[in-house]
PDB file of N, CA and C in Angstrom:
ATOM      1  N   UNK A   1      54.319 158.800  10.028  1.00  0.00           N
ATOM      2  CA  UNK A   1      53.701 160.098  10.030  1.00  0.00           C
ATOM      3  C   UNK A   1      52.305 159.954  10.658  1.00  0.00           C
ATOM      4  N   UNK A   2      51.619 158.952  10.508  1.00  0.00           N
ATOM      5  CA  UNK A   2      50.286 158.671  11.073  1.00  0.00           C
ATOM      6  C   UNK A   2      50.349 158.691  12.614  1.00  0.00           C
ATOM      7  N   UNK A   3      51.491 158.192  13.156  1.00  0.00           N
ATOM      8  CA  UNK A   3      51.675 158.204  14.618  1.00  0.00           C
ATOM      9  C   UNK A   3      51.767 159.601  15.119  1.00  0.00           C
ATOM     10  N   UNK A   4      52.515 160.435  14.416  1.00  0.00           N
ATOM     11  CA  UNK A   4      52.732 161.839  14.984  1.00  0.00           C
ATOM     12  C   UNK A   4      51.330 162.640  14.820  1.00  0.00           C
ATOM     13  N   UNK A   5      50.567 162.378  13.868  1.00  0.00           N
ATOM     14  CA  UNK A   5      49.233 162.998  13.844  1.00  0.00           C
ATOM     15  C   UNK A   5      48.254 162.570  14.929  1.00  0.00           C
ATOM     16  N   UNK A   6      48.434 161.365  15.402  1.00  0.00           N
ATOM     17  CA  UNK A   6      47.480 160.841  16.451  1.00  0.00           C
ATOM     18  C   UNK A   6      47.967 161.247  17.807  1.00  0.00           C
ATOM     19  N   UNK A   7      49.160 161.848  17.975  1.00  0.00           N
ATOM     20  CA  UNK A   7      49.528 162.285  19.342  1.00  0.00           C
ATOM     21  C   UNK A   7      48.780 163.467  19.831  1.00  0.00           C
ATOM     22  N   UNK A   8      48.282 163.455  21.057  1.00  0.00           N
ATOM     23  CA  UNK A   8      47.614 164.550  21.614  1.00  0.00           C
ATOM     24  C   UNK A   8      48.659 165.507  22.286  1.00  0.00           C
ATOM     25  N   UNK A   9      49.064 166.589  21.580  1.00  0.00           N
ATOM     26  CA  UNK A   9      50.146 167.376  22.005  1.00  0.00           C
ATOM     27  C   UNK A   9      49.761 168.141  23.325  1.00  0.00           C
ATOM     28  N   UNK A  10      48.583 168.400  23.571  1.00  0.00           N
ATOM     29  CA  UNK A  10      48.199 169.112  24.801  1.00  0.00           C
ATOM     30  C   UNK A  10      48.395 168.144  25.982  1.00  0.00           C
ATOM     31  N   UNK A  11      48.011 166.897  25.880  1.00  0.00           N
ATOM     32  CA  UNK A  11      48.314 165.837  26.880  1.00  0.00           C
ATOM     33  C   UNK A  11      49.808 165.712  27.127  1.00  0.00           C
ATOM     34  N   UNK A  12      50.570 165.633  26.010  1.00  0.00           N
ATOM     35  CA  UNK A  12      52.057 165.538  26.144  1.00  0.00           C
ATOM     36  C   UNK A  12      52.621 166.622  26.951  1.00  0.00           C
ATOM     37  N   UNK A  13      52.213 167.919  26.643  1.00  0.00           N
ATOM     38  CA  UNK A  13      52.736 169.120  27.301  1.00  0.00           C
ATOM     39  C   UNK A  13      52.365 169.091  28.756  1.00  0.00           C
ATOM     40  N   UNK A  14      51.118 168.739  29.068  1.00  0.00           N
ATOM     41  CA  UNK A  14      50.677 168.800  30.488  1.00  0.00           C
ATOM     42  C   UNK A  14      51.351 167.718  31.265  1.00  0.00           C
ATOM     43  N   UNK A  15      51.397 166.482  30.695  1.00  0.00           N
ATOM     44  CA  UNK A  15      52.122 165.423  31.435  1.00  0.00           C
ATOM     45  C   UNK A  15      53.678 165.649  31.545  1.00  0.00           C
ATOM     46  N   UNK A  16      54.277 166.248  30.670  1.00  0.00           N
ATOM     47  CA  UNK A  16      55.702 166.524  30.766  1.00  0.00           C
ATOM     48  C   UNK A  16      55.896 167.644  31.860  1.00  0.00           C
ATOM     49  N   UNK A  17      54.996 168.548  31.898  1.00  0.00           N
ATOM     50  CA  UNK A  17      55.057 169.671  32.830  1.00  0.00           C
ATOM     51  C   UNK A  17      54.887 169.051  34.232  1.00  0.00           C
ATOM     52  N   UNK A  18      53.953 168.232  34.411  1.00  0.00           N
ATOM     53  CA  UNK A  18      53.665 167.583  35.713  1.00  0.00           C
ATOM     54  C   UNK A  18      54.824 166.697  36.145  1.00  0.00           C
ATOM     55  N   UNK A  19      55.439 165.940  35.120  1.00  0.00           N
ATOM     56  CA  UNK A  19      56.561 165.121  35.432  1.00  0.00           C
ATOM     57  C   UNK A  19      57.798 165.918  35.945  1.00  0.00           C
ATOM     58  N   UNK A  20      58.047 167.106  35.245  1.00  0.00           N
ATOM     59  CA  UNK A  20      59.171 167.950  35.723  1.00  0.00           C
ATOM     60  C   UNK A  20      58.851 168.525  37.095  1.00  0.00           C
ATOM     61  N   UNK A  21      57.608 168.846  37.341  1.00  0.00           N
ATOM     62  CA  UNK A  21      57.290 169.309  38.826  1.00  0.00           C
ATOM     63  C   UNK A  21      57.515 168.254  39.802  1.00  0.00           C
ATOM     64  N   UNK A  22      57.135 167.006  39.491  1.00  0.00           N
ATOM     65  CA  UNK A  22      57.314 165.919  40.420  1.00  0.00           C
ATOM     66  C   UNK A  22      58.742 165.655  40.611  1.00  0.00           C
ATOM     67  N   UNK A  23      59.539 165.578  39.537  1.00  0.00           N
ATOM     68  CA  UNK A  23      60.950 165.312  39.680  1.00  0.00           C
ATOM     69  C   UNK A  23      61.715 166.385  40.416  1.00  0.00           C
ATOM     70  N   UNK A  24      61.350 167.596  40.084  1.00  0.00           N
ATOM     71  CA  UNK A  24      62.118 168.729  40.791  1.00  0.00           C
ATOM     72  C   UNK A  24      61.652 168.789  42.220  1.00  0.00           C
ATOM     73  N   UNK A  25      60.447 168.463  42.567  1.00  0.00           N
ATOM     74  CA  UNK A  25      59.940 168.465  43.951  1.00  0.00           C
ATOM     75  C   UNK A  25      60.684 167.258  44.736  1.00  0.00           C
ATOM     76  N   UNK A  26      60.830 166.136  44.066  1.00  0.00           N
ATOM     77  CA  UNK A  26      61.483 165.026  44.721  1.00  0.00           C
ATOM     78  C   UNK A  26      62.991 165.369  45.006  1.00  0.00           C
ATOM     79  N   UNK A  27      63.529 166.018  43.997  1.00  0.00           N
ATOM     80  CA  UNK A  27      65.003 166.336  44.256  1.00  0.00           C
ATOM     81  C   UNK A  27      65.238 167.409  45.312  1.00  0.00           C
ATOM     82  N   UNK A  28      64.243 168.350  45.428  1.00  0.00           N
ATOM     83  CA  UNK A  28      64.316 169.397  46.457  1.00  0.00           C
ATOM     84  C   UNK A  28      63.707 168.990  47.788  1.00  0.00           C
ATOM     85  N   UNK A  29      63.023 167.890  47.710  1.00  0.00           N
ATOM     86  CA  UNK A  29      62.219 167.339  48.902  1.00  0.00           C
ATOM     87  C   UNK A  29      61.136 168.421  49.241  1.00  0.00           C
ATOM     88  N   UNK A  30      60.495 168.961  48.209  1.00  0.00           N
ATOM     89  CA  UNK A  30      59.441 169.952  48.374  1.00  0.00           C
ATOM     90  C   UNK A  30      58.134 169.262  48.138  1.00  0.00           C
ATOM     91  N   UNK A  31      57.399 169.084  49.200  1.00  0.00           N
ATOM     92  CA  UNK A  31      56.021 168.407  48.950  1.00  0.00           C
ATOM     93  C   UNK A  31      55.048 169.239  48.215  1.00  0.00           C
ATOM     94  N   UNK A  32      54.944 170.577  48.270  1.00  0.00           N
ATOM     95  CA  UNK A  32      53.965 171.265  47.417  1.00  0.00           C
ATOM     96  C   UNK A  32      54.208 171.068  45.920  1.00  0.00           C
ATOM     97  N   UNK A  33      55.439 170.929  45.546  1.00  0.00           N
ATOM     98  CA  UNK A  33      55.745 170.723  44.094  1.00  0.00           C
ATOM     99  C   UNK A  33      55.287 169.294  43.695  1.00  0.00           C
ATOM    100  N   UNK A  34      55.549 168.388  44.550  1.00  0.00           N
ATOM    101  CA  UNK A  34      55.065 166.952  44.224  1.00  0.00           C
ATOM    102  C   UNK A  34      53.525 166.870  44.209  1.00  0.00           C
ATOM    103  N   UNK A  35      52.952 167.518  45.180  1.00  0.00           N
ATOM    104  CA  UNK A  35      51.419 167.480  45.167  1.00  0.00           C
ATOM    105  C   UNK A  35      50.860 168.159  44.017  1.00  0.00           C
ATOM    106  N   UNK A  36      51.420 169.391  43.647  1.00  0.00           N
ATOM    107  CA  UNK A  36      50.862 170.121  42.395  1.00  0.00           C
ATOM    108  C   UNK A  36      51.137 169.307  41.171  1.00  0.00           C
ATOM    109  N   UNK A  37      52.264 168.754  40.987  1.00  0.00           N
ATOM    110  CA  UNK A  37      52.541 167.966  39.840  1.00  0.00           C
ATOM    111  C   UNK A  37      51.753 166.802  39.752  1.00  0.00           C
ATOM    112  N   UNK A  38      51.369 166.128  40.915  1.00  0.00           N
ATOM    113  CA  UNK A  38      50.446 164.946  40.794  1.00  0.00           C
ATOM    114  C   UNK A  38      49.079 165.414  40.508  1.00  0.00           C
ATOM    115  N   UNK A  39      48.677 166.489  41.099  1.00  0.00           N
ATOM    116  CA  UNK A  39      47.267 166.976  40.684  1.00  0.00           C
ATOM    117  C   UNK A  39      47.219 167.404  39.272  1.00  0.00           C
ATOM    118  N   UNK A  40      48.211 167.969  38.765  1.00  0.00           N
ATOM    119  CA  UNK A  40      48.237 168.425  37.352  1.00  0.00           C
ATOM    120  C   UNK A  40      48.230 167.169  36.400  1.00  0.00           C
ATOM    121  N   UNK A  41      48.836 166.118  36.863  1.00  0.00           N
ATOM    122  CA  UNK A  41      48.896 164.787  36.049  1.00  0.00           C
ATOM    123  C   UNK A  41      47.511 164.225  36.078  1.00  0.00           C
ATOM    124  N   UNK A  42      46.869 164.188  37.211  1.00  0.00           N
ATOM    125  CA  UNK A  42      45.468 163.599  37.260  1.00  0.00           C
ATOM    126  C   UNK A  42      44.592 164.475  36.508  1.00  0.00           C
ATOM    127  N   UNK A  43      44.652 165.782  36.665  1.00  0.00           N
ATOM    128  CA  UNK A  43      43.738 166.696  35.872  1.00  0.00           C
ATOM    129  C   UNK A  43      44.050 166.538  34.340  1.00  0.00           C
ATOM    130  N   UNK A  44      45.265 166.305  34.026  1.00  0.00           N
ATOM    131  CA  UNK A  44      45.579 166.124  32.477  1.00  0.00           C
ATOM    132  C   UNK A  44      44.937 164.902  31.943  1.00  0.00           C
ATOM    133  N   UNK A  45      44.973 163.809  32.732  1.00  0.00           N
ATOM    134  CA  UNK A  45      44.506 162.595  32.269  1.00  0.00           C
ATOM    135  C   UNK A  45      42.895 162.785  32.152  1.00  0.00           C
ATOM    136  N   UNK A  46      42.238 163.272  33.175  1.00  0.00           N
ATOM    137  CA  UNK A  46      40.849 163.484  33.178  1.00  0.00           C
ATOM    138  C   UNK A  46      40.430 164.443  32.101  1.00  0.00           C
ATOM    139  N   UNK A  47      41.146 165.506  31.883  1.00  0.00           N
ATOM    140  CA  UNK A  47      40.805 166.461  30.835  1.00  0.00           C
ATOM    141  C   UNK A  47      40.938 165.836  29.476  1.00  0.00           C
ATOM    142  N   UNK A  48      41.891 164.905  29.237  1.00  0.00           N
ATOM    143  CA  UNK A  48      42.028 164.271  28.037  1.00  0.00           C
ATOM    144  C   UNK A  48      40.806 163.208  27.858  1.00  0.00           C
ATOM    145  N   UNK A  49      40.491 162.606  28.903  1.00  0.00           N
ATOM    146  CA  UNK A  49      39.380 161.578  28.800  1.00  0.00           C
ATOM    147  C   UNK A  49      38.065 162.182  28.493  1.00  0.00           C
ATOM    148  N   UNK A  50      37.777 163.408  29.108  1.00  0.00           N
ATOM    149  CA  UNK A  50      36.555 163.961  29.015  1.00  0.00           C
ATOM    150  C   UNK A  50      36.501 165.178  28.249  1.00  0.00           C
ATOM    151  N   UNK A  51      37.567 165.551  27.595  1.00  0.00           N
ATOM    152  CA  UNK A  51      37.792 166.768  26.766  1.00  0.00           C
ATOM    153  C   UNK A  51      37.414 168.029  27.476  1.00  0.00           C
ATOM    154  N   UNK A  52      37.996 168.325  28.614  1.00  0.00           N
ATOM    155  CA  UNK A  52      37.814 169.541  29.436  1.00  0.00           C
ATOM    156  C   UNK A  52      38.965 170.488  29.157  1.00  0.00           C
ATOM    157  N   UNK A  53      38.664 171.760  29.423  1.00  0.00           N
ATOM    158  CA  UNK A  53      39.662 172.794  29.499  1.00  0.00           C
ATOM    159  C   UNK A  53      40.221 173.268  28.173  1.00  0.00           C
ATOM    160  N   UNK A  54      41.111 174.183  28.361  1.00  0.00           N
ATOM    161  CA  UNK A  54      41.694 174.792  27.125  1.00  0.00           C
ATOM    162  C   UNK A  54      42.411 173.841  26.281  1.00  0.00           C
ATOM    163  N   UNK A  55      42.199 173.957  25.006  1.00  0.00           N
ATOM    164  CA  UNK A  55      42.835 173.055  24.037  1.00  0.00           C
ATOM    165  C   UNK A  55      41.884 172.103  23.455  1.00  0.00           C
ATOM    166  N   UNK A  56      40.756 171.797  24.181  1.00  0.00           N
ATOM    167  CA  UNK A  56      39.876 170.754  23.738  1.00  0.00           C
ATOM    168  C   UNK A  56      38.560 171.262  23.336  1.00  0.00           C
ATOM    169  N   UNK A  57      38.240 172.556  23.654  1.00  0.00           N
ATOM    170  CA  UNK A  57      37.022 173.097  23.195  1.00  0.00           C
ATOM    171  C   UNK A  57      37.088 174.608  23.264  1.00  0.00           C
ATOM    172  N   UNK A  58      36.101 175.257  23.757  1.00  0.00           N
ATOM    173  CA  UNK A  58      36.166 176.613  23.971  1.00  0.00           C
ATOM    174  C   UNK A  58      36.934 176.893  25.242  1.00  0.00           C
ATOM    175  N   UNK A  59      37.983 177.709  25.184  1.00  0.00           N
ATOM    176  CA  UNK A  59      38.791 177.871  26.332  1.00  0.00           C
ATOM    177  C   UNK A  59      38.193 179.070  27.127  1.00  0.00           C
ATOM    178  N   UNK A  60      37.879 180.077  26.544  1.00  0.00           N
ATOM    179  CA  UNK A  60      37.321 181.265  27.342  1.00  0.00           C
ATOM    180  C   UNK A  60      36.053 181.755  26.588  1.00  0.00           C
ATOM    181  N   UNK A  61      35.384 182.612  27.211  1.00  0.00           N
ATOM    182  CA  UNK A  61      34.187 183.298  26.621  1.00  0.00           C
ATOM    183  C   UNK A  61      34.725 184.346  25.696  1.00  0.00           C
ATOM    184  N   UNK A  62      34.386 184.240  24.463  1.00  0.00           N
ATOM    185  CA  UNK A  62      34.619 185.356  23.499  1.00  0.00           C
ATOM    186  C   UNK A  62      33.373 186.020  23.047  1.00  0.00           C
ATOM    187  N   UNK A  63      33.163 187.217  23.482  1.00  0.00           N
ATOM    188  CA  UNK A  63      31.927 187.911  23.152  1.00  0.00           C
ATOM    189  C   UNK A  63      31.896 188.228  21.609  1.00  0.00           C
ATOM    190  N   UNK A  64      30.687 188.183  21.048  1.00  0.00           N
ATOM    191  CA  UNK A  64      30.530 188.529  19.610  1.00  0.00           C
ATOM    192  C   UNK A  64      30.950 189.955  19.290  1.00  0.00           C
ATOM    193  N   UNK A  65      31.451 190.178  18.152  1.00  0.00           N
ATOM    194  CA  UNK A  65      31.748 191.516  17.670  1.00  0.00           C
ATOM    195  C   UNK A  65      30.547 192.233  17.351  1.00  0.00           C
ATOM    196  N   UNK A  66      30.400 193.398  18.008  1.00  0.00           N
ATOM    197  CA  UNK A  66      29.221 194.208  17.676  1.00  0.00           C
ATOM    198  C   UNK A  66      29.352 194.888  16.311  1.00  0.00           C
ATOM    199  N   UNK A  67      28.263 195.401  15.852  1.00  0.00           N
ATOM    200  CA  UNK A  67      28.263 196.094  14.555  1.00  0.00           C
ATOM    201  C   UNK A  67      29.054 197.452  14.651  1.00  0.00           C
ATOM    202  N   UNK A  68      28.947 198.058  15.811  1.00  0.00           N
ATOM    203  CA  UNK A  68      29.651 199.347  16.027  1.00  0.00           C
ATOM    204  C   UNK A  68      31.164 199.195  15.893  1.00  0.00           C
ATOM    205  N   UNK A  69      31.658 198.099  16.519  1.00  0.00           N
ATOM    206  CA  UNK A  69      33.150 197.987  16.592  1.00  0.00           C
ATOM    207  C   UNK A  69      33.583 197.473  15.098  1.00  0.00           C
ATOM    208  N   UNK A  70      32.708 196.808  14.389  1.00  0.00           N
ATOM    209  CA  UNK A  70      33.011 196.333  13.035  1.00  0.00           C
ATOM    210  C   UNK A  70      33.196 197.533  12.194  1.00  0.00           C
ATOM    211  N   UNK A  71      32.243 198.520  12.303  1.00  0.00           N
ATOM    212  CA  UNK A  71      32.311 199.749  11.508  1.00  0.00           C
ATOM    213  C   UNK A  71      33.565 200.526  11.827  1.00  0.00           C
ATOM    214  N   UNK A  72      33.928 200.598  13.146  1.00  0.00           N
ATOM    215  CA  UNK A  72      35.119 201.376  13.525  1.00  0.00           C
ATOM    216  C   UNK A  72      36.332 200.711  12.950  1.00  0.00           C
ATOM    217  N   UNK A  73      36.429 199.445  12.921  1.00  0.00           N
ATOM    218  CA  UNK A  73      37.590 198.736  12.380  1.00  0.00           C
ATOM    219  C   UNK A  73      37.675 198.974  10.887  1.00  0.00           C
ATOM    220  N   UNK A  74      36.534 199.039  10.223  1.00  0.00           N
ATOM    221  CA  UNK A  74      36.588 199.301   8.754  1.00  0.00           C
ATOM    222  C   UNK A  74      36.987 200.754   8.319  1.00  0.00           C
ATOM    223  N   UNK A  75      36.682 201.647   9.276  1.00  0.00           N
ATOM    224  CA  UNK A  75      36.928 203.158   8.993  1.00  0.00           C
ATOM    225  C   UNK A  75      38.251 203.594   9.324  1.00  0.00           C
ATOM    226  N   UNK A  76      39.080 202.703   9.818  1.00  0.00           N
ATOM    227  CA  UNK A  76      40.438 203.166  10.282  1.00  0.00           C
ATOM    228  C   UNK A  76      41.244 203.412   8.978  1.00  0.00           C
ATOM    229  N   UNK A  77      42.060 204.397   9.005  1.00  0.00           N
ATOM    230  CA  UNK A  77      42.915 204.744   7.849  1.00  0.00           C
ATOM    231  C   UNK A  77      44.366 204.419   8.140  1.00  0.00           C
ATOM    232  N   UNK A  78      45.041 203.964   7.138  1.00  0.00           N
ATOM    233  CA  UNK A  78      46.520 203.664   7.461  1.00  0.00           C
ATOM    234  C   UNK A  78      47.329 204.945   7.675  1.00  0.00           C
ATOM    235  N   UNK A  79      48.502 204.869   8.427  1.00  0.00           N
ATOM    236  CA  UNK A  79      49.171 205.999   8.717  1.00  0.00           C
ATOM    237  C   UNK A  79      50.039 206.501   7.590  1.00  0.00           C
TER     238      UNK A  79
END
């Protein structure tokens, strides 16, 4: 069980996606698929090493909820 908790599932997903792209590109002889899969694999390893991108920290900018919208949400009535 300790091994499963130590697995970085984001890295596993990204590397499996890049492996599928590389394999399908090789089978179809499609260079863009191979290049994109290779770039995704490199990015995945770098993102894991330096904790970049979605899944490792803040993925997007989430603006704070203003007081006006908080009051609006509190005043809604059920149907």
